Amino acid sequence: MKRVLVVEHHHLVSSALADLVSETPGLELAGVARSVREAISLAERCQPDVVLIDVDKSSWKSLRLDLRIADLLPRARLVRLTAVSDPRTECLESPTNTPSVPKTAIPDFLRSLTA
């Protein structure tokens, strides 16, 4: 069972992602963070195996939240979520060299985590 932390500032999107994680066999929802402080706290406390992090929020980019989470959880898989139509554009400046996944592809991606 892989534990998943969802980091998404928008309530409806984070709730939908949390539901998808909870409904995917082999995955367990470790928590949902809607702020930088909450994301760091939950990452430290829950020690998830996978972190789904929204990279569309500009203030999170400036704080390098994905890099901070990667430093806290060196063994976790960090998955950058994006709403842009071409995720390669979003990934160009990824400090963690982690590919971005379009939010519309999340159900298929979550199933791949359990394979």
PDB file of N, CA and C in Angstrom:
ATOM      1  N   MET A   1       0.857  -1.177   0.000  1.00  0.00           N
ATOM      2  CA  MET A   1       0.000   0.000   0.000  1.00  0.00           C
ATOM      3  C   MET A   1       0.900   1.236   0.000  1.00  0.00           C
ATOM      4  N   LYS A   2       0.714   2.087  -0.993  1.00  0.00           N
ATOM      5  CA  LYS A   2       1.493   3.325  -1.081  1.00  0.00           C
ATOM      6  C   LYS A   2       0.688   4.472  -0.491  1.00  0.00           C
ATOM      7  N   ARG A   3       1.353   5.243   0.368  1.00  0.00           N
ATOM      8  CA  ARG A   3       0.716   6.395   1.003  1.00  0.00           C
ATOM      9  C   ARG A   3       0.954   7.632   0.148  1.00  0.00           C
ATOM     10  N   VAL A   4      -0.131   8.394  -0.097  1.00  0.00           N
ATOM     11  CA  VAL A   4      -0.085   9.532  -1.017  1.00  0.00           C
ATOM     12  C   VAL A   4      -0.489  10.812  -0.293  1.00  0.00           C
ATOM     13  N   LEU A   5       0.330  11.852  -0.452  1.00  0.00           N
ATOM     14  CA  LEU A   5       0.022  13.190   0.052  1.00  0.00           C
ATOM     15  C   LEU A   5      -0.375  14.054  -1.138  1.00  0.00           C
ATOM     16  N   VAL A   6      -1.518  14.725  -1.040  1.00  0.00           N
ATOM     17  CA  VAL A   6      -1.999  15.631  -2.078  1.00  0.00           C
ATOM     18  C   VAL A   6      -1.700  17.058  -1.640  1.00  0.00           C
ATOM     19  N   VAL A   7      -1.019  17.824  -2.491  1.00  0.00           N
ATOM     20  CA  VAL A   7      -0.707  19.232  -2.205  1.00  0.00           C
ATOM     21  C   VAL A   7      -1.330  20.070  -3.317  1.00  0.00           C
ATOM     22  N   GLU A   8      -2.459  20.686  -2.995  1.00  0.00           N
ATOM     23  CA  GLU A   8      -3.242  21.441  -3.979  1.00  0.00           C
ATOM     24  C   GLU A   8      -4.004  22.527  -3.239  1.00  0.00           C
ATOM     25  N   HIS A   9      -3.872  23.778  -3.678  1.00  0.00           N
ATOM     26  CA  HIS A   9      -4.484  24.896  -2.954  1.00  0.00           C
ATOM     27  C   HIS A   9      -5.983  25.038  -3.193  1.00  0.00           C
ATOM     28  N   HIS A  10      -6.486  24.578  -4.311  1.00  0.00           N
ATOM     29  CA  HIS A  10      -7.892  24.751  -4.647  1.00  0.00           C
ATOM     30  C   HIS A  10      -8.714  23.633  -3.997  1.00  0.00           C
ATOM     31  N   HIS A  11      -9.699  24.016  -3.194  1.00  0.00           N
ATOM     32  CA  HIS A  11     -10.468  23.047  -2.414  1.00  0.00           C
ATOM     33  C   HIS A  11     -11.140  21.966  -3.268  1.00  0.00           C
ATOM     34  N   LEU A  12     -11.818  22.357  -4.342  1.00  0.00           N
ATOM     35  CA  LEU A  12     -12.519  21.367  -5.165  1.00  0.00           C
ATOM     36  C   LEU A  12     -11.555  20.383  -5.825  1.00  0.00           C
ATOM     37  N   VAL A  13     -10.434  20.896  -6.296  1.00  0.00           N
ATOM     38  CA  VAL A  13      -9.452  20.025  -6.955  1.00  0.00           C
ATOM     39  C   VAL A  13      -8.800  19.097  -5.938  1.00  0.00           C
ATOM     40  N   SER A  14      -8.432  19.636  -4.775  1.00  0.00           N
ATOM     41  CA  SER A  14      -7.799  18.782  -3.761  1.00  0.00           C
ATOM     42  C   SER A  14      -8.769  17.708  -3.281  1.00  0.00           C
ATOM     43  N   SER A  15     -10.042  18.050  -3.137  1.00  0.00           N
ATOM     44  CA  SER A  15     -11.037  17.053  -2.728  1.00  0.00           C
ATOM     45  C   SER A  15     -11.196  15.966  -3.784  1.00  0.00           C
ATOM     46  N   ALA A  16     -11.219  16.374  -5.047  1.00  0.00           N
ATOM     47  CA  ALA A  16     -11.343  15.394  -6.133  1.00  0.00           C
ATOM     48  C   ALA A  16     -10.117  14.478  -6.187  1.00  0.00           C
ATOM     49  N   LEU A  17      -8.937  15.057  -6.033  1.00  0.00           N
ATOM     50  CA  LEU A  17      -7.712  14.243  -6.032  1.00  0.00           C
ATOM     51  C   LEU A  17      -7.700  13.281  -4.846  1.00  0.00           C
ATOM     52  N   ALA A  18      -8.107  13.774  -3.677  1.00  0.00           N
ATOM     53  CA  ALA A  18      -8.155  12.924  -2.482  1.00  0.00           C
ATOM     54  C   ALA A  18      -9.114  11.751  -2.708  1.00  0.00           C
ATOM     55  N   ASP A  19     -10.269  12.035  -3.307  1.00  0.00           N
ATOM     56  CA  ASP A  19     -11.228  10.968  -3.599  1.00  0.00           C
ATOM     57  C   ASP A  19     -10.638   9.949  -4.565  1.00  0.00           C
ATOM     58  N   LEU A  20      -9.963  10.426  -5.607  1.00  0.00           N
ATOM     59  CA  LEU A  20      -9.355   9.506  -6.581  1.00  0.00           C
ATOM     60  C   LEU A  20      -8.311   8.608  -5.913  1.00  0.00           C
ATOM     61  N   VAL A  21      -7.485   9.201  -5.061  1.00  0.00           N
ATOM     62  CA  VAL A  21      -6.466   8.407  -4.354  1.00  0.00           C
ATOM     63  C   VAL A  21      -7.150   7.365  -3.473  1.00  0.00           C
ATOM     64  N   SER A  22      -8.138   7.800  -2.707  1.00  0.00           N
ATOM     65  CA  SER A  22      -8.840   6.891  -1.789  1.00  0.00           C
ATOM     66  C   SER A  22      -9.534   5.745  -2.516  1.00  0.00           C
ATOM     67  N   GLU A  23      -9.989   6.002  -3.727  1.00  0.00           N
ATOM     68  CA  GLU A  23     -10.719   4.989  -4.489  1.00  0.00           C
ATOM     69  C   GLU A  23      -9.818   4.074  -5.304  1.00  0.00           C
ATOM     70  N   THR A  24      -8.537   4.364  -5.361  1.00  0.00           N
ATOM     71  CA  THR A  24      -7.609   3.554  -6.151  1.00  0.00           C
ATOM     72  C   THR A  24      -7.033   2.434  -5.284  1.00  0.00           C
ATOM     73  N   PRO A  25      -7.320   1.179  -5.645  1.00  0.00           N
ATOM     74  CA  PRO A  25      -6.770   0.065  -4.868  1.00  0.00           C
ATOM     75  C   PRO A  25      -5.242   0.130  -4.814  1.00  0.00           C
ATOM     76  N   GLY A  26      -4.686  -0.128  -3.654  1.00  0.00           N
ATOM     77  CA  GLY A  26      -3.232  -0.112  -3.480  1.00  0.00           C
ATOM     78  C   GLY A  26      -2.687   1.228  -3.029  1.00  0.00           C
ATOM     79  N   LEU A  27      -3.565   2.254  -2.979  1.00  0.00           N
ATOM     80  CA  LEU A  27      -3.146   3.580  -2.519  1.00  0.00           C
ATOM     81  C   LEU A  27      -3.910   3.959  -1.260  1.00  0.00           C
ATOM     82  N   GLU A  28      -3.254   4.699  -0.381  1.00  0.00           N
ATOM     83  CA  GLU A  28      -3.870   5.197   0.837  1.00  0.00           C
ATOM     84  C   GLU A  28      -3.614   6.694   0.913  1.00  0.00           C
ATOM     85  N   LEU A  29      -4.634   7.465   1.221  1.00  0.00           N
ATOM     86  CA  LEU A  29      -4.488   8.912   1.345  1.00  0.00           C
ATOM     87  C   LEU A  29      -3.799   9.228   2.674  1.00  0.00           C
ATOM     88  N   ALA A  30      -2.593   9.795   2.591  1.00  0.00           N
ATOM     89  CA  ALA A  30      -1.846  10.177   3.794  1.00  0.00           C
ATOM     90  C   ALA A  30      -2.289  11.533   4.312  1.00  0.00           C
ATOM     91  N   GLY A  31      -2.772  12.393   3.422  1.00  0.00           N
ATOM     92  CA  GLY A  31      -3.234  13.711   3.823  1.00  0.00           C
ATOM     93  C   GLY A  31      -3.417  14.630   2.642  1.00  0.00           C
ATOM     94  N   VAL A  32      -4.015  15.792   2.925  1.00  0.00           N
ATOM     95  CA  VAL A  32      -4.242  16.826   1.920  1.00  0.00           C
ATOM     96  C   VAL A  32      -3.739  18.139   2.487  1.00  0.00           C
ATOM     97  N   ALA A  33      -2.872  18.818   1.748  1.00  0.00           N
ATOM     98  CA  ALA A  33      -2.328  20.110   2.172  1.00  0.00           C
ATOM     99  C   ALA A  33      -2.774  21.176   1.190  1.00  0.00           C
ATOM    100  N   ARG A  34      -3.186  22.326   1.744  1.00  0.00           N
ATOM    101  CA  ARG A  34      -3.630  23.431   0.894  1.00  0.00           C
ATOM    102  C   ARG A  34      -2.759  24.666   1.050  1.00  0.00           C
ATOM    103  N   SER A  35      -1.678  24.547   1.824  1.00  0.00           N
ATOM    104  CA  SER A  35      -0.754  25.660   2.011  1.00  0.00           C
ATOM    105  C   SER A  35       0.664  25.114   2.115  1.00  0.00           C
ATOM    106  N   VAL A  36       1.634  26.007   1.974  1.00  0.00           N
ATOM    107  CA  VAL A  36       3.038  25.612   2.075  1.00  0.00           C
ATOM    108  C   VAL A  36       3.325  25.033   3.463  1.00  0.00           C
ATOM    109  N   ARG A  37       2.889  25.740   4.475  1.00  0.00           N
ATOM    110  CA  ARG A  37       3.140  25.286   5.851  1.00  0.00           C
ATOM    111  C   ARG A  37       2.522  23.908   6.103  1.00  0.00           C
ATOM    112  N   GLU A  38       1.297  23.736   5.650  1.00  0.00           N
ATOM    113  CA  GLU A  38       0.616  22.465   5.841  1.00  0.00           C
ATOM    114  C   GLU A  38       1.307  21.348   5.051  1.00  0.00           C
ATOM    115  N   ALA A  39       1.762  21.650   3.843  1.00  0.00           N
ATOM    116  CA  ALA A  39       2.446  20.649   3.023  1.00  0.00           C
ATOM    117  C   ALA A  39       3.725  20.163   3.693  1.00  0.00           C
ATOM    118  N   ILE A  40       4.502  21.082   4.205  1.00  0.00           N
ATOM    119  CA  ILE A  40       5.762  20.708   4.861  1.00  0.00           C
ATOM    120  C   ILE A  40       5.487  19.914   6.131  1.00  0.00           C
ATOM    121  N   SER A  41       4.525  20.366   6.915  1.00  0.00           N
ATOM    122  CA  SER A  41       4.174  19.680   8.154  1.00  0.00           C
ATOM    123  C   SER A  41       3.685  18.257   7.890  1.00  0.00           C
ATOM    124  N   LEU A  42       2.779  18.105   6.938  1.00  0.00           N
ATOM    125  CA  LEU A  42       2.260  16.773   6.627  1.00  0.00           C
ATOM    126  C   LEU A  42       3.327  15.867   6.019  1.00  0.00           C
ATOM    127  N   ALA A  43       4.182  16.436   5.198  1.00  0.00           N
ATOM    128  CA  ALA A  43       5.263  15.629   4.607  1.00  0.00           C
ATOM    129  C   ALA A  43       6.165  15.069   5.701  1.00  0.00           C
ATOM    130  N   GLU A  44       6.518  15.909   6.665  1.00  0.00           N
ATOM    131  CA  GLU A  44       7.373  15.455   7.768  1.00  0.00           C
ATOM    132  C   GLU A  44       6.664  14.427   8.643  1.00  0.00           C
ATOM    133  N   ARG A  45       5.407  14.693   8.961  1.00  0.00           N
ATOM    134  CA  ARG A  45       4.666  13.845   9.889  1.00  0.00           C
ATOM    135  C   ARG A  45       4.212  12.531   9.259  1.00  0.00           C
ATOM    136  N   CYS A  46       3.716  12.571   8.040  1.00  0.00           N
ATOM    137  CA  CYS A  46       3.114  11.386   7.415  1.00  0.00           C
ATOM    138  C   CYS A  46       4.098  10.517   6.658  1.00  0.00           C
ATOM    139  N   GLN A  47       5.220  11.091   6.209  1.00  0.00           N
ATOM    140  CA  GLN A  47       6.225  10.348   5.444  1.00  0.00           C
ATOM    141  C   GLN A  47       5.589   9.547   4.294  1.00  0.00           C
ATOM    142  N   PRO A  48       4.890  10.236   3.375  1.00  0.00           N
ATOM    143  CA  PRO A  48       4.233   9.524   2.271  1.00  0.00           C
ATOM    144  C   PRO A  48       5.241   8.947   1.281  1.00  0.00           C
ATOM    145  N   ASP A  49       4.770   7.970   0.523  1.00  0.00           N
ATOM    146  CA  ASP A  49       5.584   7.368  -0.538  1.00  0.00           C
ATOM    147  C   ASP A  49       5.509   8.182  -1.820  1.00  0.00           C
ATOM    148  N   VAL A  50       4.370   8.872  -2.005  1.00  0.00           N
ATOM    149  CA  VAL A  50       4.114   9.659  -3.213  1.00  0.00           C
ATOM    150  C   VAL A  50       3.535  10.999  -2.794  1.00  0.00           C
ATOM    151  N   VAL A  51       4.012  12.083  -3.440  1.00  0.00           N
ATOM    152  CA  VAL A  51       3.464  13.413  -3.196  1.00  0.00           C
ATOM    153  C   VAL A  51       2.976  13.967  -4.525  1.00  0.00           C
ATOM    154  N   LEU A  52       1.666  14.237  -4.599  1.00  0.00           N
ATOM    155  CA  LEU A  52       1.079  14.880  -5.776  1.00  0.00           C
ATOM    156  C   LEU A  52       1.049  16.364  -5.470  1.00  0.00           C
ATOM    157  N   ILE A  53       1.832  17.168  -6.201  1.00  0.00           N
ATOM    158  CA  ILE A  53       1.946  18.584  -5.890  1.00  0.00           C
ATOM    159  C   ILE A  53       1.562  19.455  -7.085  1.00  0.00           C
ATOM    160  N   ASP A  54       0.640  20.361  -6.832  1.00  0.00           N
ATOM    161  CA  ASP A  54       0.188  21.310  -7.847  1.00  0.00           C
ATOM    162  C   ASP A  54       1.320  22.302  -8.131  1.00  0.00           C
ATOM    163  N   VAL A  55       1.746  22.389  -9.376  1.00  0.00           N
ATOM    164  CA  VAL A  55       2.820  23.335  -9.710  1.00  0.00           C
ATOM    165  C   VAL A  55       2.293  24.552 -10.445  1.00  0.00           C
ATOM    166  N   ASP A  56       0.963  24.699 -10.478  1.00  0.00           N
ATOM    167  CA  ASP A  56       0.382  25.852 -11.159  1.00  0.00           C
ATOM    168  C   ASP A  56       0.293  27.080 -10.255  1.00  0.00           C
ATOM    169  N   LYS A  57       0.464  26.927  -8.976  1.00  0.00           N
ATOM    170  CA  LYS A  57       0.364  28.050  -8.047  1.00  0.00           C
ATOM    171  C   LYS A  57       1.697  28.785  -8.035  1.00  0.00           C
ATOM    172  N   SER A  58       1.715  30.021  -8.519  1.00  0.00           N
ATOM    173  CA  SER A  58       2.966  30.757  -8.703  1.00  0.00           C
ATOM    174  C   SER A  58       3.712  30.994  -7.397  1.00  0.00           C
ATOM    175  N   SER A  59       3.030  31.240  -6.295  1.00  0.00           N
ATOM    176  CA  SER A  59       3.746  31.489  -5.037  1.00  0.00           C
ATOM    177  C   SER A  59       4.464  30.232  -4.564  1.00  0.00           C
ATOM    178  N   TRP A  60       3.921  29.052  -4.876  1.00  0.00           N
ATOM    179  CA  TRP A  60       4.593  27.821  -4.493  1.00  0.00           C
ATOM    180  C   TRP A  60       5.847  27.623  -5.320  1.00  0.00           C
ATOM    181  N   LYS A  61       5.800  28.071  -6.576  1.00  0.00           N
ATOM    182  CA  LYS A  61       6.994  27.992  -7.422  1.00  0.00           C
ATOM    183  C   LYS A  61       8.099  28.869  -6.860  1.00  0.00           C
ATOM    184  N   SER A  62       7.735  30.090  -6.463  1.00  0.00           N
ATOM    185  CA  SER A  62       8.752  31.012  -5.963  1.00  0.00           C
ATOM    186  C   SER A  62       9.366  30.505  -4.670  1.00  0.00           C
ATOM    187  N   LEU A  63       8.604  29.759  -3.893  1.00  0.00           N
ATOM    188  CA  LEU A  63       9.134  29.184  -2.652  1.00  0.00           C
ATOM    189  C   LEU A  63       9.809  27.838  -2.884  1.00  0.00           C
ATOM    190  N   ARG A  64       9.777  27.374  -4.136  1.00  0.00           N
ATOM    191  CA  ARG A  64      10.389  26.081  -4.482  1.00  0.00           C
ATOM    192  C   ARG A  64       9.854  24.961  -3.595  1.00  0.00           C
ATOM    193  N   LEU A  65       8.531  24.962  -3.435  1.00  0.00           N
ATOM    194  CA  LEU A  65       7.908  23.966  -2.569  1.00  0.00           C
ATOM    195  C   LEU A  65       8.243  22.550  -3.000  1.00  0.00           C
ATOM    196  N   ASP A  66       8.263  22.286  -4.307  1.00  0.00           N
ATOM    197  CA  ASP A  66       8.577  20.930  -4.754  1.00  0.00           C
ATOM    198  C   ASP A  66       9.983  20.514  -4.350  1.00  0.00           C
ATOM    199  N   LEU A  67      10.923  21.441  -4.404  1.00  0.00           N
ATOM    200  CA  LEU A  67      12.292  21.130  -3.995  1.00  0.00           C
ATOM    201  C   LEU A  67      12.384  20.909  -2.490  1.00  0.00           C
ATOM    202  N   ARG A  68      11.653  21.694  -1.714  1.00  0.00           N
ATOM    203  CA  ARG A  68      11.639  21.528  -0.261  1.00  0.00           C
ATOM    204  C   ARG A  68      11.051  20.179   0.133  1.00  0.00           C
ATOM    205  N   ILE A  69       9.977  19.792  -0.538  1.00  0.00           N
ATOM    206  CA  ILE A  69       9.371  18.484  -0.263  1.00  0.00           C
ATOM    207  C   ILE A  69      10.341  17.367  -0.658  1.00  0.00           C
ATOM    208  N   ALA A  70      10.997  17.512  -1.787  1.00  0.00           N
ATOM    209  CA  ALA A  70      11.961  16.503  -2.238  1.00  0.00           C
ATOM    210  C   ALA A  70      13.109  16.364  -1.234  1.00  0.00           C
ATOM    211  N   ASP A  71      13.547  17.471  -0.648  1.00  0.00           N
ATOM    212  CA  ASP A  71      14.602  17.412   0.373  1.00  0.00           C
ATOM    213  C   ASP A  71      14.122  16.696   1.633  1.00  0.00           C
ATOM    214  N   LEU A  72      12.878  16.933   2.015  1.00  0.00           N
ATOM    215  CA  LEU A  72      12.313  16.300   3.207  1.00  0.00           C
ATOM    216  C   LEU A  72      12.082  14.803   3.012  1.00  0.00           C
ATOM    217  N   LEU A  73      11.733  14.428   1.792  1.00  0.00           N
ATOM    218  CA  LEU A  73      11.350  13.046   1.495  1.00  0.00           C
ATOM    219  C   LEU A  73      12.179  12.499   0.335  1.00  0.00           C
ATOM    220  N   PRO A  74      13.455  12.262   0.546  1.00  0.00           N
ATOM    221  CA  PRO A  74      14.315  11.857  -0.574  1.00  0.00           C
ATOM    222  C   PRO A  74      13.909  10.533  -1.235  1.00  0.00           C
ATOM    223  N   ARG A  75      13.189   9.683  -0.525  1.00  0.00           N
ATOM    224  CA  ARG A  75      12.781   8.398  -1.104  1.00  0.00           C
ATOM    225  C   ARG A  75      11.390   8.443  -1.733  1.00  0.00           C
ATOM    226  N   ALA A  76      10.662   9.507  -1.490  1.00  0.00           N
ATOM    227  CA  ALA A  76       9.294   9.611  -2.020  1.00  0.00           C
ATOM    228  C   ALA A  76       9.319   9.965  -3.502  1.00  0.00           C
ATOM    229  N   ARG A  77       8.282   9.555  -4.181  1.00  0.00           N
ATOM    230  CA  ARG A  77       8.114   9.922  -5.584  1.00  0.00           C
ATOM    231  C   ARG A  77       7.337  11.232  -5.620  1.00  0.00           C
ATOM    232  N   LEU A  78       7.914  12.253  -6.175  1.00  0.00           N
ATOM    233  CA  LEU A  78       7.290  13.568  -6.282  1.00  0.00           C
ATOM    234  C   LEU A  78       6.679  13.694  -7.672  1.00  0.00           C
ATOM    235  N   VAL A  79       5.370  13.923  -7.704  1.00  0.00           N
ATOM    236  CA  VAL A  79       4.656  14.033  -8.974  1.00  0.00           C
ATOM    237  C   VAL A  79       4.114  15.440  -9.083  1.00  0.00           C
ATOM    238  N   ARG A  80       4.580  16.160 -10.078  1.00  0.00           N
ATOM    239  CA  ARG A  80       4.163  17.551 -10.308  1.00  0.00           C
ATOM    240  C   ARG A  80       2.915  17.545 -11.172  1.00  0.00           C
ATOM    241  N   LEU A  81       1.833  18.131 -10.656  1.00  0.00           N
ATOM    242  CA  LEU A  81       0.572  18.208 -11.389  1.00  0.00           C
ATOM    243  C   LEU A  81       0.445  19.570 -12.050  1.00  0.00           C
ATOM    244  N   THR A  82      -0.067  19.580 -13.259  1.00  0.00           N
ATOM    245  CA  THR A  82      -0.208  20.837 -13.980  1.00  0.00           C
ATOM    246  C   THR A  82      -1.520  20.869 -14.755  1.00  0.00           C
ATOM    247  N   ALA A  83      -2.030  22.070 -14.940  1.00  0.00           N
ATOM    248  CA  ALA A  83      -3.237  22.257 -15.744  1.00  0.00           C
ATOM    249  C   ALA A  83      -2.904  22.722 -17.155  1.00  0.00           C
ATOM    250  N   VAL A  84      -1.618  22.941 -17.451  1.00  0.00           N
ATOM    251  CA  VAL A  84      -1.247  23.392 -18.792  1.00  0.00           C
ATOM    252  C   VAL A  84      -1.451  22.256 -19.780  1.00  0.00           C
ATOM    253  N   SER A  85      -1.712  22.612 -21.025  1.00  0.00           N
ATOM    254  CA  SER A  85      -1.990  21.586 -22.028  1.00  0.00           C
ATOM    255  C   SER A  85      -0.742  20.808 -22.434  1.00  0.00           C
ATOM    256  N   ASP A  86       0.417  21.431 -22.312  1.00  0.00           N
ATOM    257  CA  ASP A  86       1.667  20.749 -22.648  1.00  0.00           C
ATOM    258  C   ASP A  86       2.546  20.695 -21.406  1.00  0.00           C
ATOM    259  N   PRO A  87       2.522  19.570 -20.666  1.00  0.00           N
ATOM    260  CA  PRO A  87       3.282  19.501 -19.419  1.00  0.00           C
ATOM    261  C   PRO A  87       4.792  19.640 -19.598  1.00  0.00           C
ATOM    262  N   ARG A  88       5.294  19.409 -20.821  1.00  0.00           N
ATOM    263  CA  ARG A  88       6.729  19.586 -21.036  1.00  0.00           C
ATOM    264  C   ARG A  88       7.129  21.046 -20.838  1.00  0.00           C
ATOM    265  N   THR A  89       6.228  21.966 -21.167  1.00  0.00           N
ATOM    266  CA  THR A  89       6.477  23.389 -20.948  1.00  0.00           C
ATOM    267  C   THR A  89       6.640  23.667 -19.467  1.00  0.00           C
ATOM    268  N   GLU A  90       5.770  23.089 -18.648  1.00  0.00           N
ATOM    269  CA  GLU A  90       5.810  23.285 -17.201  1.00  0.00           C
ATOM    270  C   GLU A  90       7.070  22.676 -16.595  1.00  0.00           C
ATOM    271  N   CYS A  91       7.556  21.614 -17.189  1.00  0.00           N
ATOM    272  CA  CYS A  91       8.667  20.855 -16.619  1.00  0.00           C
ATOM    273  C   CYS A  91      10.031  21.460 -16.931  1.00  0.00           C
ATOM    274  N   LEU A  92      10.105  22.399 -17.826  1.00  0.00           N
ATOM    275  CA  LEU A  92      11.402  22.906 -18.267  1.00  0.00           C
ATOM    276  C   LEU A  92      12.290  23.395 -17.127  1.00  0.00           C
ATOM    277  N   GLU A  93      11.687  24.004 -16.115  1.00  0.00           N
ATOM    278  CA  GLU A  93      12.490  24.533 -15.017  1.00  0.00           C
ATOM    279  C   GLU A  93      12.269  23.767 -13.725  1.00  0.00           C
ATOM    280  N   SER A  94      11.929  22.513 -13.813  1.00  0.00           N
ATOM    281  CA  SER A  94      11.701  21.713 -12.618  1.00  0.00           C
ATOM    282  C   SER A  94      13.004  21.545 -11.843  1.00  0.00           C
ATOM    283  N   PRO A  95      13.071  22.045 -10.604  1.00  0.00           N
ATOM    284  CA  PRO A  95      14.295  21.901  -9.830  1.00  0.00           C
ATOM    285  C   PRO A  95      14.550  20.459  -9.416  1.00  0.00           C
ATOM    286  N   THR A  96      13.535  19.623  -9.487  1.00  0.00           N
ATOM    287  CA  THR A  96      13.698  18.225  -9.072  1.00  0.00           C
ATOM    288  C   THR A  96      13.835  17.281 -10.258  1.00  0.00           C
ATOM    289  N   ASN A  97      13.845  17.821 -11.470  1.00  0.00           N
ATOM    290  CA  ASN A  97      13.895  17.002 -12.686  1.00  0.00           C
ATOM    291  C   ASN A  97      12.770  15.972 -12.711  1.00  0.00           C
ATOM    292  N   THR A  98      11.636  16.352 -12.156  1.00  0.00           N
ATOM    293  CA  THR A  98      10.468  15.488 -12.108  1.00  0.00           C
ATOM    294  C   THR A  98       9.520  15.877 -13.226  1.00  0.00           C
ATOM    295  N   PRO A  99       9.089  14.922 -14.036  1.00  0.00           N
ATOM    296  CA  PRO A  99       8.153  15.274 -15.097  1.00  0.00           C
ATOM    297  C   PRO A  99       6.818  15.735 -14.527  1.00  0.00           C
ATOM    298  N   SER A 100       6.129  16.564 -15.262  1.00  0.00           N
ATOM    299  CA  SER A 100       4.807  17.015 -14.864  1.00  0.00           C
ATOM    300  C   SER A 100       3.747  16.142 -15.513  1.00  0.00           C
ATOM    301  N   VAL A 101       2.648  15.949 -14.796  1.00  0.00           N
ATOM    302  CA  VAL A 101       1.539  15.137 -15.279  1.00  0.00           C
ATOM    303  C   VAL A 101       0.319  16.042 -15.385  1.00  0.00           C
ATOM    304  N   PRO A 102      -0.352  16.066 -16.545  1.00  0.00           N
ATOM    305  CA  PRO A 102      -1.568  16.876 -16.652  1.00  0.00           C
ATOM    306  C   PRO A 102      -2.627  16.378 -15.667  1.00  0.00           C
ATOM    307  N   LYS A 103      -3.324  17.293 -15.013  1.00  0.00           N
ATOM    308  CA  LYS A 103      -4.326  16.890 -14.025  1.00  0.00           C
ATOM    309  C   LYS A 103      -5.395  16.003 -14.627  1.00  0.00           C
ATOM    310  N   THR A 104      -5.673  16.163 -15.908  1.00  0.00           N
ATOM    311  CA  THR A 104      -6.693  15.333 -16.549  1.00  0.00           C
ATOM    312  C   THR A 104      -6.254  13.876 -16.676  1.00  0.00           C
ATOM    313  N   ALA A 105      -4.952  13.604 -16.554  1.00  0.00           N
ATOM    314  CA  ALA A 105      -4.438  12.238 -16.689  1.00  0.00           C
ATOM    315  C   ALA A 105      -4.249  11.536 -15.351  1.00  0.00           C
ATOM    316  N   ILE A 106      -4.654  12.165 -14.265  1.00  0.00           N
ATOM    317  CA  ILE A 106      -4.404  11.620 -12.932  1.00  0.00           C
ATOM    318  C   ILE A 106      -5.006  10.232 -12.705  1.00  0.00           C
ATOM    319  N   PRO A 107      -6.256   9.957 -13.083  1.00  0.00           N
ATOM    320  CA  PRO A 107      -6.779   8.603 -12.815  1.00  0.00           C
ATOM    321  C   PRO A 107      -5.903   7.501 -13.406  1.00  0.00           C
ATOM    322  N   ASP A 108      -5.479   7.661 -14.652  1.00  0.00           N
ATOM    323  CA  ASP A 108      -4.603   6.661 -15.270  1.00  0.00           C
ATOM    324  C   ASP A 108      -3.256   6.606 -14.564  1.00  0.00           C
ATOM    325  N   PHE A 109      -2.730   7.769 -14.199  1.00  0.00           N
ATOM    326  CA  PHE A 109      -1.442   7.801 -13.524  1.00  0.00           C
ATOM    327  C   PHE A 109      -1.513   7.083 -12.174  1.00  0.00           C
ATOM    328  N   LEU A 110      -2.562   7.333 -11.402  1.00  0.00           N
ATOM    329  CA  LEU A 110      -2.696   6.678 -10.090  1.00  0.00           C
ATOM    330  C   LEU A 110      -2.740   5.168 -10.226  1.00  0.00           C
ATOM    331  N   ARG A 111      -3.456   4.684 -11.225  1.00  0.00           N
ATOM    332  CA  ARG A 111      -3.488   3.230 -11.450  1.00  0.00           C
ATOM    333  C   ARG A 111      -2.099   2.696 -11.759  1.00  0.00           C
ATOM    334  N   SER A 112      -1.280   3.483 -12.445  1.00  0.00           N
ATOM    335  CA  SER A 112       0.075   3.026 -12.792  1.00  0.00           C
ATOM    336  C   SER A 112       0.965   2.917 -11.550  1.00  0.00           C
ATOM    337  N   LEU A 113       0.661   3.679 -10.503  1.00  0.00           N
ATOM    338  CA  LEU A 113       1.465   3.619  -9.276  1.00  0.00           C
ATOM    339  C   LEU A 113       1.355   2.268  -8.580  1.00  0.00           C
ATOM    340  N   THR A 114       0.252   1.604  -8.766  1.00  0.00           N
ATOM    341  CA  THR A 114       0.024   0.351  -8.068  1.00  0.00           C
ATOM    342  C   THR A 114       0.433  -0.872  -8.879  1.00  0.00           C
ATOM    343  N   ALA A 115       0.854  -0.650 -10.111  1.00  0.00           N
ATOM    344  CA  ALA A 115       1.236  -1.773 -10.975  1.00  0.00           C
ATOM    345  C   ALA A 115       2.593  -2.326 -10.602  1.00  0.00           C
TER     346      ALA A 115
END
